[in-house]
Amino acid sequence: MGVLILGLVLFLGVHSLSIVASGGRDRLVARLGEQPFKGLYSLASLVGLILIIWGYGLARQEPVVVYLPPAWLRHLALLLLLPVFPLLLATYLPGRIQRATKHPTLIAVKLWALAHLLANGMLADVVLFGAFLAWAVAERISLKRRTPRAVPALPASPRNDLIAVVGGLLVYGAFVVWLHRVLIGVSPVPM
């Protein structure tokens, strides 16, 4: 469990820089330069992600039951996960979805984490998904108080919404049918 927690602290810690010190990112960029900052940020994020994956795998080898969710919650989880990939794609494809949700990635993370908390009751699940849910809530609250930073983006288009929805649902279908089992080792639907 220690490796998982270390990975979460590193990964979410790097992603929380603007939450805990709103001007911290800007000061680091001014001191290091944009590209070196992005390189260090990416490296720390990657190391954190690797530790999360490794630590979660280790923790699943010695499961500790926190709660046993009823079977029907798996169906609710699958329903909550339906908009996750379209929202993730909408983050990078500006259109009405992005404009209406303001922060589609954070909504996607919240839905992903909540759905997994509803369907899984092991300690490693509670730690992993609970940490991501708490981070996404804190990040959203923090964003309301911060001055938005200009981010280069594609031009907004209704076509982007169509691509986000169709592409996202195709990725969701691939995850449900095949990818989740291949990447995570667990099928979200009994076969």
N, C-alpha and C. Protein backbone atom coordinates (compact mmCIF):
# COMPACT_ATOMS: atom_id res chain seq x y z
N MET A 1 0.83 -1.20 0.00
CA MET A 1 0.00 0.00 0.00
C MET A 1 0.87 1.26 0.00
N GLY A 2 2.07 1.14 0.55
CA GLY A 2 2.96 2.29 0.62
C GLY A 2 3.36 2.81 -0.75
N VAL A 3 3.58 1.90 -1.70
CA VAL A 3 3.97 2.32 -3.06
C VAL A 3 2.81 3.06 -3.72
N LEU A 4 1.59 2.56 -3.53
CA LEU A 4 0.41 3.22 -4.07
C LEU A 4 0.27 4.63 -3.49
N ILE A 5 0.41 4.75 -2.20
CA ILE A 5 0.27 6.06 -1.55
C ILE A 5 1.38 7.01 -2.01
N LEU A 6 2.60 6.52 -2.11
CA LEU A 6 3.70 7.34 -2.61
C LEU A 6 3.41 7.84 -4.02
N GLY A 7 2.92 6.94 -4.88
CA GLY A 7 2.56 7.33 -6.24
C GLY A 7 1.47 8.38 -6.27
N LEU A 8 0.45 8.21 -5.42
CA LEU A 8 -0.64 9.19 -5.36
C LEU A 8 -0.15 10.54 -4.87
N VAL A 9 0.72 10.52 -3.84
CA VAL A 9 1.25 11.78 -3.33
C VAL A 9 2.06 12.50 -4.42
N LEU A 10 2.87 11.75 -5.14
CA LEU A 10 3.69 12.37 -6.19
C LEU A 10 2.81 12.86 -7.34
N PHE A 11 1.97 11.99 -7.88
CA PHE A 11 1.15 12.34 -9.04
C PHE A 11 0.16 13.46 -8.72
N LEU A 12 -0.62 13.27 -7.66
CA LEU A 12 -1.62 14.29 -7.32
C LEU A 12 -0.96 15.52 -6.72
N GLY A 13 0.19 15.35 -6.07
CA GLY A 13 0.91 16.50 -5.54
C GLY A 13 1.36 17.43 -6.64
N VAL A 14 1.93 16.87 -7.69
CA VAL A 14 2.35 17.68 -8.83
C VAL A 14 1.14 18.38 -9.45
N HIS A 15 0.05 17.66 -9.54
CA HIS A 15 -1.16 18.22 -10.15
C HIS A 15 -1.90 19.17 -9.20
N SER A 16 -1.43 19.28 -7.96
CA SER A 16 -2.07 20.17 -6.98
C SER A 16 -1.27 21.44 -6.74
N LEU A 17 -0.23 21.64 -7.50
CA LEU A 17 0.62 22.81 -7.30
C LEU A 17 -0.19 24.10 -7.31
N SER A 18 -1.10 24.23 -8.25
CA SER A 18 -1.90 25.46 -8.34
C SER A 18 -2.97 25.53 -7.25
N ILE A 19 -3.33 24.38 -6.66
CA ILE A 19 -4.31 24.39 -5.57
C ILE A 19 -3.68 24.97 -4.32
N VAL A 20 -2.49 24.51 -3.99
CA VAL A 20 -1.86 24.91 -2.73
C VAL A 20 -1.10 26.23 -2.85
N ALA A 21 -0.62 26.55 -4.03
CA ALA A 21 0.11 27.81 -4.25
C ALA A 21 -0.25 28.32 -5.64
N SER A 22 -1.31 29.13 -5.69
CA SER A 22 -1.85 29.53 -7.00
C SER A 22 -0.81 30.20 -7.90
N GLY A 23 0.13 30.92 -7.33
CA GLY A 23 1.16 31.53 -8.15
C GLY A 23 2.43 30.69 -8.24
N GLY A 24 2.42 29.55 -7.58
CA GLY A 24 3.61 28.69 -7.54
C GLY A 24 4.05 28.21 -8.91
N ARG A 25 3.10 27.81 -9.72
CA ARG A 25 3.44 27.34 -11.06
C ARG A 25 4.11 28.46 -11.85
N ASP A 26 3.51 29.65 -11.79
CA ASP A 26 4.06 30.78 -12.54
C ASP A 26 5.47 31.15 -12.07
N ARG A 27 5.70 31.09 -10.76
CA ARG A 27 7.04 31.39 -10.24
C ARG A 27 8.05 30.35 -10.70
N LEU A 28 7.65 29.06 -10.69
CA LEU A 28 8.55 28.01 -11.16
C LEU A 28 8.85 28.16 -12.65
N VAL A 29 7.84 28.49 -13.43
CA VAL A 29 8.05 28.70 -14.87
C VAL A 29 9.00 29.88 -15.09
N ALA A 30 8.83 30.95 -14.32
CA ALA A 30 9.71 32.11 -14.45
C ALA A 30 11.15 31.76 -14.09
N ARG A 31 11.31 30.91 -13.08
CA ARG A 31 12.67 30.56 -12.64
C ARG A 31 13.32 29.53 -13.56
N LEU A 32 12.55 28.50 -13.97
CA LEU A 32 13.12 27.39 -14.76
C LEU A 32 13.00 27.59 -16.26
N GLY A 33 11.95 28.28 -16.68
CA GLY A 33 11.61 28.36 -18.10
C GLY A 33 10.46 27.39 -18.38
N GLU A 34 9.66 27.71 -19.40
CA GLU A 34 8.46 26.91 -19.70
C GLU A 34 8.78 25.45 -20.02
N GLN A 35 9.71 25.22 -20.92
CA GLN A 35 10.00 23.84 -21.34
C GLN A 35 10.65 23.00 -20.23
N PRO A 36 11.65 23.52 -19.50
CA PRO A 36 12.18 22.72 -18.38
C PRO A 36 11.12 22.42 -17.32
N PHE A 37 10.25 23.40 -17.04
CA PHE A 37 9.17 23.15 -16.08
C PHE A 37 8.27 22.03 -16.56
N LYS A 38 7.86 22.10 -17.83
CA LYS A 38 6.98 21.06 -18.38
C LYS A 38 7.68 19.70 -18.37
N GLY A 39 8.98 19.69 -18.64
CA GLY A 39 9.73 18.43 -18.60
C GLY A 39 9.75 17.82 -17.22
N LEU A 40 10.05 18.63 -16.19
CA LEU A 40 10.07 18.14 -14.81
C LEU A 40 8.67 17.72 -14.35
N TYR A 41 7.68 18.51 -14.71
CA TYR A 41 6.28 18.22 -14.37
C TYR A 41 5.87 16.87 -14.97
N SER A 42 6.21 16.69 -16.25
CA SER A 42 5.86 15.44 -16.94
C SER A 42 6.60 14.25 -16.35
N LEU A 43 7.87 14.43 -16.04
CA LEU A 43 8.65 13.35 -15.45
C LEU A 43 8.11 12.95 -14.09
N ALA A 44 7.84 13.93 -13.24
CA ALA A 44 7.28 13.64 -11.91
C ALA A 44 5.91 12.97 -12.05
N SER A 45 5.09 13.43 -12.99
CA SER A 45 3.77 12.82 -13.21
C SER A 45 3.91 11.37 -13.67
N LEU A 46 4.83 11.13 -14.58
CA LEU A 46 5.04 9.78 -15.10
C LEU A 46 5.52 8.84 -13.99
N VAL A 47 6.48 9.28 -13.19
CA VAL A 47 6.97 8.46 -12.09
C VAL A 47 5.83 8.17 -11.11
N GLY A 48 5.04 9.20 -10.79
CA GLY A 48 3.89 9.01 -9.91
C GLY A 48 2.89 8.02 -10.47
N LEU A 49 2.60 8.13 -11.77
CA LEU A 49 1.66 7.22 -12.41
C LEU A 49 2.17 5.78 -12.39
N ILE A 50 3.45 5.60 -12.67
CA ILE A 50 4.05 4.25 -12.63
C ILE A 50 3.95 3.68 -11.21
N LEU A 51 4.24 4.50 -10.21
CA LEU A 51 4.13 4.03 -8.82
C LEU A 51 2.69 3.70 -8.45
N ILE A 52 1.73 4.48 -8.96
CA ILE A 52 0.32 4.19 -8.70
C ILE A 52 -0.05 2.83 -9.29
N ILE A 53 0.31 2.62 -10.53
CA ILE A 53 -0.03 1.35 -11.20
C ILE A 53 0.63 0.18 -10.49
N TRP A 54 1.90 0.30 -10.19
CA TRP A 54 2.64 -0.76 -9.52
C TRP A 54 2.08 -0.99 -8.11
N GLY A 55 1.87 0.09 -7.37
CA GLY A 55 1.37 -0.01 -6.00
C GLY A 55 -0.04 -0.58 -5.93
N TYR A 56 -0.88 -0.21 -6.89
CA TYR A 56 -2.24 -0.75 -6.92
C TYR A 56 -2.21 -2.25 -7.19
N GLY A 57 -1.33 -2.66 -8.12
CA GLY A 57 -1.17 -4.08 -8.39
C GLY A 57 -0.69 -4.84 -7.17
N LEU A 58 0.27 -4.27 -6.45
CA LEU A 58 0.76 -4.91 -5.23
C LEU A 58 -0.34 -5.00 -4.17
N ALA A 59 -1.07 -3.92 -3.99
CA ALA A 59 -2.12 -3.88 -2.97
C ALA A 59 -3.25 -4.87 -3.28
N ARG A 60 -3.52 -5.08 -4.55
CA ARG A 60 -4.58 -6.03 -4.93
C ARG A 60 -4.19 -7.47 -4.65
N GLN A 61 -2.89 -7.74 -4.47
CA GLN A 61 -2.46 -9.10 -4.16
C GLN A 61 -2.82 -9.51 -2.74
N GLU A 62 -2.98 -8.53 -1.85
CA GLU A 62 -3.39 -8.79 -0.47
C GLU A 62 -4.60 -7.91 -0.16
N PRO A 63 -5.76 -8.28 -0.71
CA PRO A 63 -6.93 -7.40 -0.57
C PRO A 63 -7.45 -7.30 0.86
N VAL A 64 -7.86 -6.10 1.21
CA VAL A 64 -8.49 -5.83 2.49
C VAL A 64 -9.88 -5.29 2.18
N VAL A 65 -10.90 -5.99 2.64
CA VAL A 65 -12.28 -5.59 2.36
C VAL A 65 -12.68 -4.45 3.30
N VAL A 66 -13.13 -3.35 2.71
CA VAL A 66 -13.67 -2.23 3.48
C VAL A 66 -15.20 -2.32 3.48
N TYR A 67 -15.78 -2.62 2.33
CA TYR A 67 -17.22 -2.82 2.21
C TYR A 67 -17.49 -3.70 1.00
N LEU A 68 -18.66 -4.33 0.99
CA LEU A 68 -19.07 -5.19 -0.12
C LEU A 68 -20.25 -4.54 -0.82
N PRO A 69 -20.01 -3.90 -1.97
CA PRO A 69 -21.11 -3.23 -2.68
C PRO A 69 -22.08 -4.25 -3.27
N PRO A 70 -23.36 -3.92 -3.26
CA PRO A 70 -24.33 -4.82 -3.91
C PRO A 70 -24.09 -4.87 -5.42
N ALA A 71 -24.46 -5.98 -6.03
CA ALA A 71 -24.19 -6.20 -7.46
C ALA A 71 -24.81 -5.12 -8.35
N TRP A 72 -25.97 -4.58 -7.98
CA TRP A 72 -26.63 -3.60 -8.83
C TRP A 72 -25.81 -2.31 -8.97
N LEU A 73 -24.91 -2.05 -8.02
CA LEU A 73 -24.08 -0.85 -8.14
C LEU A 73 -23.11 -0.93 -9.32
N ARG A 74 -22.78 -2.15 -9.75
CA ARG A 74 -21.92 -2.28 -10.94
C ARG A 74 -22.63 -1.72 -12.17
N HIS A 75 -23.94 -1.94 -12.25
CA HIS A 75 -24.71 -1.42 -13.38
C HIS A 75 -24.76 0.12 -13.32
N LEU A 76 -24.94 0.65 -12.13
CA LEU A 76 -24.92 2.10 -11.96
C LEU A 76 -23.55 2.66 -12.32
N ALA A 77 -22.51 1.95 -11.91
CA ALA A 77 -21.14 2.38 -12.23
C ALA A 77 -20.93 2.44 -13.74
N LEU A 78 -21.37 1.42 -14.45
CA LEU A 78 -21.23 1.41 -15.91
C LEU A 78 -21.98 2.59 -16.54
N LEU A 79 -23.12 2.94 -15.99
CA LEU A 79 -23.88 4.08 -16.48
C LEU A 79 -23.15 5.40 -16.20
N LEU A 80 -22.60 5.53 -14.99
CA LEU A 80 -21.86 6.74 -14.65
C LEU A 80 -20.60 6.91 -15.50
N LEU A 81 -20.02 5.80 -15.93
CA LEU A 81 -18.81 5.85 -16.73
C LEU A 81 -19.06 6.20 -18.20
N LEU A 82 -20.30 6.10 -18.64
CA LEU A 82 -20.64 6.34 -20.04
C LEU A 82 -20.14 7.69 -20.57
N PRO A 83 -20.29 8.81 -19.85
CA PRO A 83 -19.81 10.08 -20.40
C PRO A 83 -18.32 10.37 -20.18
N VAL A 84 -17.60 9.49 -19.49
CA VAL A 84 -16.21 9.80 -19.13
C VAL A 84 -15.32 10.03 -20.35
N PHE A 85 -15.30 9.11 -21.29
CA PHE A 85 -14.42 9.29 -22.46
C PHE A 85 -14.87 10.42 -23.38
N PRO A 86 -16.19 10.60 -23.61
CA PRO A 86 -16.58 11.80 -24.37
C PRO A 86 -16.13 13.10 -23.69
N LEU A 87 -16.22 13.15 -22.37
CA LEU A 87 -15.76 14.35 -21.66
C LEU A 87 -14.26 14.54 -21.80
N LEU A 88 -13.50 13.46 -21.69
CA LEU A 88 -12.05 13.57 -21.85
C LEU A 88 -11.69 14.07 -23.24
N LEU A 89 -12.36 13.56 -24.27
CA LEU A 89 -12.09 14.04 -25.63
C LEU A 89 -12.54 15.49 -25.80
N ALA A 90 -13.65 15.85 -25.17
CA ALA A 90 -14.15 17.23 -25.27
C ALA A 90 -13.17 18.23 -24.67
N THR A 91 -12.32 17.77 -23.77
CA THR A 91 -11.30 18.65 -23.19
C THR A 91 -10.39 19.20 -24.28
N TYR A 92 -10.10 18.37 -25.28
CA TYR A 92 -9.15 18.74 -26.34
C TYR A 92 -9.84 19.12 -27.65
N LEU A 93 -11.17 19.02 -27.68
CA LEU A 93 -11.94 19.34 -28.88
C LEU A 93 -12.99 20.39 -28.51
N PRO A 94 -12.63 21.66 -28.52
CA PRO A 94 -13.54 22.71 -28.06
C PRO A 94 -14.85 22.74 -28.84
N GLY A 95 -15.92 22.83 -28.08
CA GLY A 95 -17.26 22.91 -28.64
C GLY A 95 -18.24 23.21 -27.52
N ARG A 96 -19.49 22.86 -27.74
CA ARG A 96 -20.51 23.13 -26.74
C ARG A 96 -20.31 22.33 -25.47
N ILE A 97 -19.84 21.10 -25.60
CA ILE A 97 -19.62 20.26 -24.41
C ILE A 97 -18.59 20.92 -23.51
N GLN A 98 -17.48 21.34 -24.09
CA GLN A 98 -16.43 21.97 -23.31
C GLN A 98 -16.92 23.27 -22.68
N ARG A 99 -17.64 24.06 -23.45
CA ARG A 99 -18.15 25.34 -22.96
C ARG A 99 -19.16 25.14 -21.83
N ALA A 100 -20.05 24.15 -21.96
CA ALA A 100 -21.08 23.93 -20.96
C ALA A 100 -20.52 23.34 -19.67
N THR A 101 -19.53 22.47 -19.79
CA THR A 101 -18.99 21.81 -18.60
C THR A 101 -17.83 22.58 -17.97
N LYS A 102 -17.24 23.50 -18.69
CA LYS A 102 -16.10 24.33 -18.28
C LYS A 102 -14.83 23.52 -18.05
N HIS A 103 -14.90 22.45 -17.32
CA HIS A 103 -13.72 21.63 -17.02
C HIS A 103 -14.08 20.16 -17.20
N PRO A 104 -14.22 19.73 -18.45
CA PRO A 104 -14.70 18.36 -18.69
C PRO A 104 -13.79 17.27 -18.11
N THR A 105 -12.49 17.52 -18.04
CA THR A 105 -11.61 16.50 -17.47
C THR A 105 -11.92 16.27 -15.99
N LEU A 106 -12.17 17.33 -15.26
CA LEU A 106 -12.47 17.18 -13.84
C LEU A 106 -13.80 16.45 -13.63
N ILE A 107 -14.77 16.72 -14.46
CA ILE A 107 -16.04 15.99 -14.36
C ILE A 107 -15.81 14.53 -14.68
N ALA A 108 -15.00 14.25 -15.70
CA ALA A 108 -14.68 12.87 -16.06
C ALA A 108 -13.98 12.15 -14.92
N VAL A 109 -13.03 12.80 -14.28
CA VAL A 109 -12.31 12.18 -13.16
C VAL A 109 -13.27 11.91 -12.00
N LYS A 110 -14.14 12.86 -11.71
CA LYS A 110 -15.11 12.66 -10.62
C LYS A 110 -16.03 11.48 -10.91
N LEU A 111 -16.56 11.40 -12.12
CA LEU A 111 -17.44 10.29 -12.49
C LEU A 111 -16.70 8.96 -12.45
N TRP A 112 -15.47 8.94 -12.99
CA TRP A 112 -14.65 7.73 -13.01
C TRP A 112 -14.39 7.25 -11.59
N ALA A 113 -13.97 8.16 -10.71
CA ALA A 113 -13.64 7.79 -9.34
C ALA A 113 -14.89 7.36 -8.57
N LEU A 114 -15.97 8.10 -8.68
CA LEU A 114 -17.21 7.75 -7.98
C LEU A 114 -17.74 6.39 -8.44
N ALA A 115 -17.75 6.17 -9.73
CA ALA A 115 -18.24 4.89 -10.27
C ALA A 115 -17.42 3.72 -9.72
N HIS A 116 -16.11 3.90 -9.68
CA HIS A 116 -15.26 2.82 -9.18
C HIS A 116 -15.41 2.63 -7.67
N LEU A 117 -15.69 3.69 -6.93
CA LEU A 117 -15.95 3.56 -5.50
C LEU A 117 -17.27 2.82 -5.25
N LEU A 118 -18.25 3.04 -6.11
CA LEU A 118 -19.53 2.35 -5.96
C LEU A 118 -19.41 0.85 -6.24
N ALA A 119 -18.53 0.49 -7.17
CA ALA A 119 -18.45 -0.91 -7.61
C ALA A 119 -17.38 -1.72 -6.89
N ASN A 120 -16.47 -1.06 -6.19
CA ASN A 120 -15.34 -1.76 -5.58
C ASN A 120 -15.19 -1.34 -4.12
N GLY A 121 -15.00 -2.32 -3.24
CA GLY A 121 -14.91 -1.99 -1.83
C GLY A 121 -13.64 -2.42 -1.14
N MET A 122 -12.59 -2.69 -1.90
CA MET A 122 -11.32 -3.05 -1.28
C MET A 122 -10.57 -1.79 -0.85
N LEU A 123 -9.69 -1.93 0.12
CA LEU A 123 -8.95 -0.78 0.64
C LEU A 123 -8.16 -0.07 -0.45
N ALA A 124 -7.50 -0.82 -1.32
CA ALA A 124 -6.73 -0.20 -2.40
C ALA A 124 -7.63 0.63 -3.31
N ASP A 125 -8.85 0.15 -3.56
CA ASP A 125 -9.81 0.89 -4.39
C ASP A 125 -10.23 2.18 -3.71
N VAL A 126 -10.52 2.09 -2.42
CA VAL A 126 -10.95 3.27 -1.67
C VAL A 126 -9.84 4.32 -1.65
N VAL A 127 -8.61 3.87 -1.43
CA VAL A 127 -7.48 4.81 -1.41
C VAL A 127 -7.27 5.44 -2.79
N LEU A 128 -7.20 4.61 -3.84
CA LEU A 128 -6.94 5.12 -5.18
C LEU A 128 -8.05 6.04 -5.68
N PHE A 129 -9.26 5.51 -5.72
CA PHE A 129 -10.35 6.29 -6.31
C PHE A 129 -10.81 7.42 -5.39
N GLY A 130 -10.72 7.20 -4.08
CA GLY A 130 -11.05 8.27 -3.13
C GLY A 130 -10.09 9.44 -3.26
N ALA A 131 -8.80 9.15 -3.46
CA ALA A 131 -7.81 10.21 -3.61
C ALA A 131 -8.08 11.02 -4.88
N PHE A 132 -8.37 10.34 -5.98
CA PHE A 132 -8.66 11.06 -7.22
C PHE A 132 -9.94 11.88 -7.12
N LEU A 133 -10.96 11.34 -6.45
CA LEU A 133 -12.20 12.09 -6.28
C LEU A 133 -11.97 13.34 -5.44
N ALA A 134 -11.25 13.17 -4.33
CA ALA A 134 -10.97 14.32 -3.47
C ALA A 134 -10.14 15.37 -4.21
N TRP A 135 -9.15 14.92 -4.99
CA TRP A 135 -8.33 15.86 -5.76
C TRP A 135 -9.18 16.63 -6.76
N ALA A 136 -10.06 15.93 -7.49
CA ALA A 136 -10.87 16.59 -8.52
C ALA A 136 -11.81 17.62 -7.90
N VAL A 137 -12.37 17.31 -6.74
CA VAL A 137 -13.24 18.27 -6.06
C VAL A 137 -12.43 19.49 -5.61
N ALA A 138 -11.26 19.25 -5.01
CA ALA A 138 -10.41 20.36 -4.56
C ALA A 138 -9.95 21.21 -5.75
N GLU A 139 -9.60 20.57 -6.85
CA GLU A 139 -9.15 21.30 -8.04
C GLU A 139 -10.27 22.18 -8.59
N ARG A 140 -11.49 21.65 -8.63
CA ARG A 140 -12.62 22.43 -9.15
C ARG A 140 -12.91 23.64 -8.27
N ILE A 141 -12.86 23.44 -6.97
CA ILE A 141 -13.07 24.56 -6.04
C ILE A 141 -11.97 25.60 -6.24
N SER A 142 -10.75 25.13 -6.37
CA SER A 142 -9.60 26.02 -6.56
C SER A 142 -9.72 26.81 -7.86
N LEU A 143 -10.19 26.18 -8.92
CA LEU A 143 -10.32 26.86 -10.21
C LEU A 143 -11.28 28.03 -10.16
N LYS A 144 -12.28 27.96 -9.29
CA LYS A 144 -13.23 29.06 -9.16
C LYS A 144 -12.56 30.31 -8.59
N ARG A 145 -11.46 30.11 -7.86
CA ARG A 145 -10.79 31.22 -7.19
C ARG A 145 -9.57 31.73 -7.95
N ARG A 146 -9.16 31.03 -9.01
CA ARG A 146 -7.94 31.39 -9.73
C ARG A 146 -8.27 32.13 -11.02
N THR A 147 -7.31 32.92 -11.45
CA THR A 147 -7.42 33.57 -12.75
C THR A 147 -7.11 32.53 -13.82
N PRO A 148 -8.01 32.36 -14.80
CA PRO A 148 -7.75 31.36 -15.83
C PRO A 148 -6.49 31.66 -16.62
N ARG A 149 -5.76 30.62 -16.94
CA ARG A 149 -4.53 30.75 -17.73
C ARG A 149 -4.88 30.48 -19.18
N ALA A 150 -4.32 31.28 -20.08
CA ALA A 150 -4.56 31.08 -21.52
C ALA A 150 -3.90 29.77 -21.96
N VAL A 151 -4.68 28.94 -22.61
CA VAL A 151 -4.19 27.65 -23.09
C VAL A 151 -4.47 27.57 -24.59
N PRO A 152 -3.47 27.25 -25.40
CA PRO A 152 -3.73 27.14 -26.84
C PRO A 152 -4.72 26.00 -27.10
N ALA A 153 -5.64 26.24 -28.01
CA ALA A 153 -6.66 25.23 -28.29
C ALA A 153 -7.06 25.28 -29.76
N LEU A 154 -7.67 24.22 -30.19
CA LEU A 154 -8.25 24.18 -31.53
C LEU A 154 -9.42 25.14 -31.61
N PRO A 155 -9.83 25.55 -32.79
CA PRO A 155 -11.02 26.39 -32.90
C PRO A 155 -12.26 25.59 -32.49
N ALA A 156 -13.20 26.27 -31.83
CA ALA A 156 -14.43 25.61 -31.42
C ALA A 156 -15.28 25.27 -32.64
N SER A 157 -15.96 24.11 -32.55
CA SER A 157 -16.78 23.66 -33.67
C SER A 157 -17.80 22.63 -33.19
N PRO A 158 -19.01 22.69 -33.73
CA PRO A 158 -20.00 21.65 -33.40
C PRO A 158 -19.50 20.26 -33.83
N ARG A 159 -18.68 20.22 -34.85
CA ARG A 159 -18.12 18.95 -35.31
C ARG A 159 -17.27 18.31 -34.21
N ASN A 160 -16.59 19.15 -33.41
CA ASN A 160 -15.78 18.64 -32.31
C ASN A 160 -16.63 17.88 -31.30
N ASP A 161 -17.84 18.38 -31.04
CA ASP A 161 -18.74 17.68 -30.11
C ASP A 161 -19.11 16.30 -30.65
N LEU A 162 -19.38 16.23 -31.92
CA LEU A 162 -19.73 14.95 -32.54
C LEU A 162 -18.55 13.98 -32.44
N ILE A 163 -17.36 14.47 -32.73
CA ILE A 163 -16.17 13.63 -32.63
C ILE A 163 -15.96 13.16 -31.19
N ALA A 164 -16.14 14.07 -30.22
CA ALA A 164 -15.96 13.72 -28.82
C ALA A 164 -16.95 12.66 -28.37
N VAL A 165 -18.21 12.81 -28.76
CA VAL A 165 -19.24 11.86 -28.33
C VAL A 165 -19.04 10.51 -29.01
N VAL A 166 -18.94 10.50 -30.33
CA VAL A 166 -18.80 9.23 -31.05
C VAL A 166 -17.48 8.55 -30.69
N GLY A 167 -16.39 9.30 -30.73
CA GLY A 167 -15.09 8.72 -30.38
C GLY A 167 -15.05 8.25 -28.94
N GLY A 168 -15.60 9.04 -28.02
CA GLY A 168 -15.63 8.67 -26.61
C GLY A 168 -16.44 7.42 -26.34
N LEU A 169 -17.59 7.31 -27.01
CA LEU A 169 -18.42 6.11 -26.82
C LEU A 169 -17.75 4.87 -27.42
N LEU A 170 -17.03 5.04 -28.51
CA LEU A 170 -16.29 3.91 -29.08
C LEU A 170 -15.18 3.45 -28.13
N VAL A 171 -14.47 4.40 -27.54
CA VAL A 171 -13.42 4.04 -26.57
C VAL A 171 -14.06 3.38 -25.34
N TYR A 172 -15.19 3.93 -24.87
CA TYR A 172 -15.90 3.34 -23.73
C TYR A 172 -16.28 1.89 -24.04
N GLY A 173 -16.84 1.67 -25.22
CA GLY A 173 -17.22 0.31 -25.61
C GLY A 173 -16.02 -0.63 -25.64
N ALA A 174 -14.90 -0.14 -26.17
CA ALA A 174 -13.68 -0.95 -26.21
C ALA A 174 -13.21 -1.28 -24.79
N PHE A 175 -13.32 -0.32 -23.88
CA PHE A 175 -12.91 -0.58 -22.49
C PHE A 175 -13.81 -1.61 -21.84
N VAL A 176 -15.12 -1.48 -22.02
CA VAL A 176 -16.05 -2.40 -21.39
C VAL A 176 -15.86 -3.81 -21.93
N VAL A 177 -15.73 -3.94 -23.23
CA VAL A 177 -15.67 -5.26 -23.85
C VAL A 177 -14.30 -5.90 -23.74
N TRP A 178 -13.22 -5.09 -23.80
CA TRP A 178 -11.91 -5.70 -23.98
C TRP A 178 -10.79 -5.03 -23.18
N LEU A 179 -10.61 -3.72 -23.33
CA LEU A 179 -9.42 -3.05 -22.81
C LEU A 179 -9.28 -3.09 -21.29
N HIS A 180 -10.38 -2.98 -20.56
CA HIS A 180 -10.30 -3.00 -19.10
C HIS A 180 -9.72 -4.33 -18.63
N ARG A 181 -10.17 -5.40 -19.23
CA ARG A 181 -9.66 -6.73 -18.88
C ARG A 181 -8.19 -6.86 -19.24
N VAL A 182 -7.81 -6.36 -20.41
CA VAL A 182 -6.42 -6.47 -20.87
C VAL A 182 -5.49 -5.59 -20.02
N LEU A 183 -5.89 -4.34 -19.76
CA LEU A 183 -5.02 -3.40 -19.06
C LEU A 183 -5.06 -3.53 -17.54
N ILE A 184 -6.23 -3.83 -16.99
CA ILE A 184 -6.40 -3.85 -15.54
C ILE A 184 -6.45 -5.28 -15.00
N GLY A 185 -6.85 -6.21 -15.85
CA GLY A 185 -6.91 -7.61 -15.41
C GLY A 185 -8.28 -8.02 -14.87
N VAL A 186 -9.25 -7.12 -14.95
CA VAL A 186 -10.59 -7.40 -14.44
C VAL A 186 -11.59 -6.95 -15.50
N SER A 187 -12.56 -7.81 -15.79
CA SER A 187 -13.61 -7.44 -16.73
C SER A 187 -14.71 -6.69 -15.99
N PRO A 188 -15.14 -5.53 -16.47
CA PRO A 188 -16.20 -4.80 -15.78
C PRO A 188 -17.57 -5.45 -15.91
N VAL A 189 -17.72 -6.33 -16.88
CA VAL A 189 -18.98 -7.06 -17.04
C VAL A 189 -18.67 -8.56 -17.06
N PRO A 190 -19.46 -9.33 -16.35
CA PRO A 190 -19.21 -10.78 -16.36
C PRO A 190 -19.39 -11.34 -17.76
N MET A 191 -18.44 -12.15 -18.19
CA MET A 191 -18.50 -12.75 -19.53
C MET A 191 -18.98 -14.18 -19.44
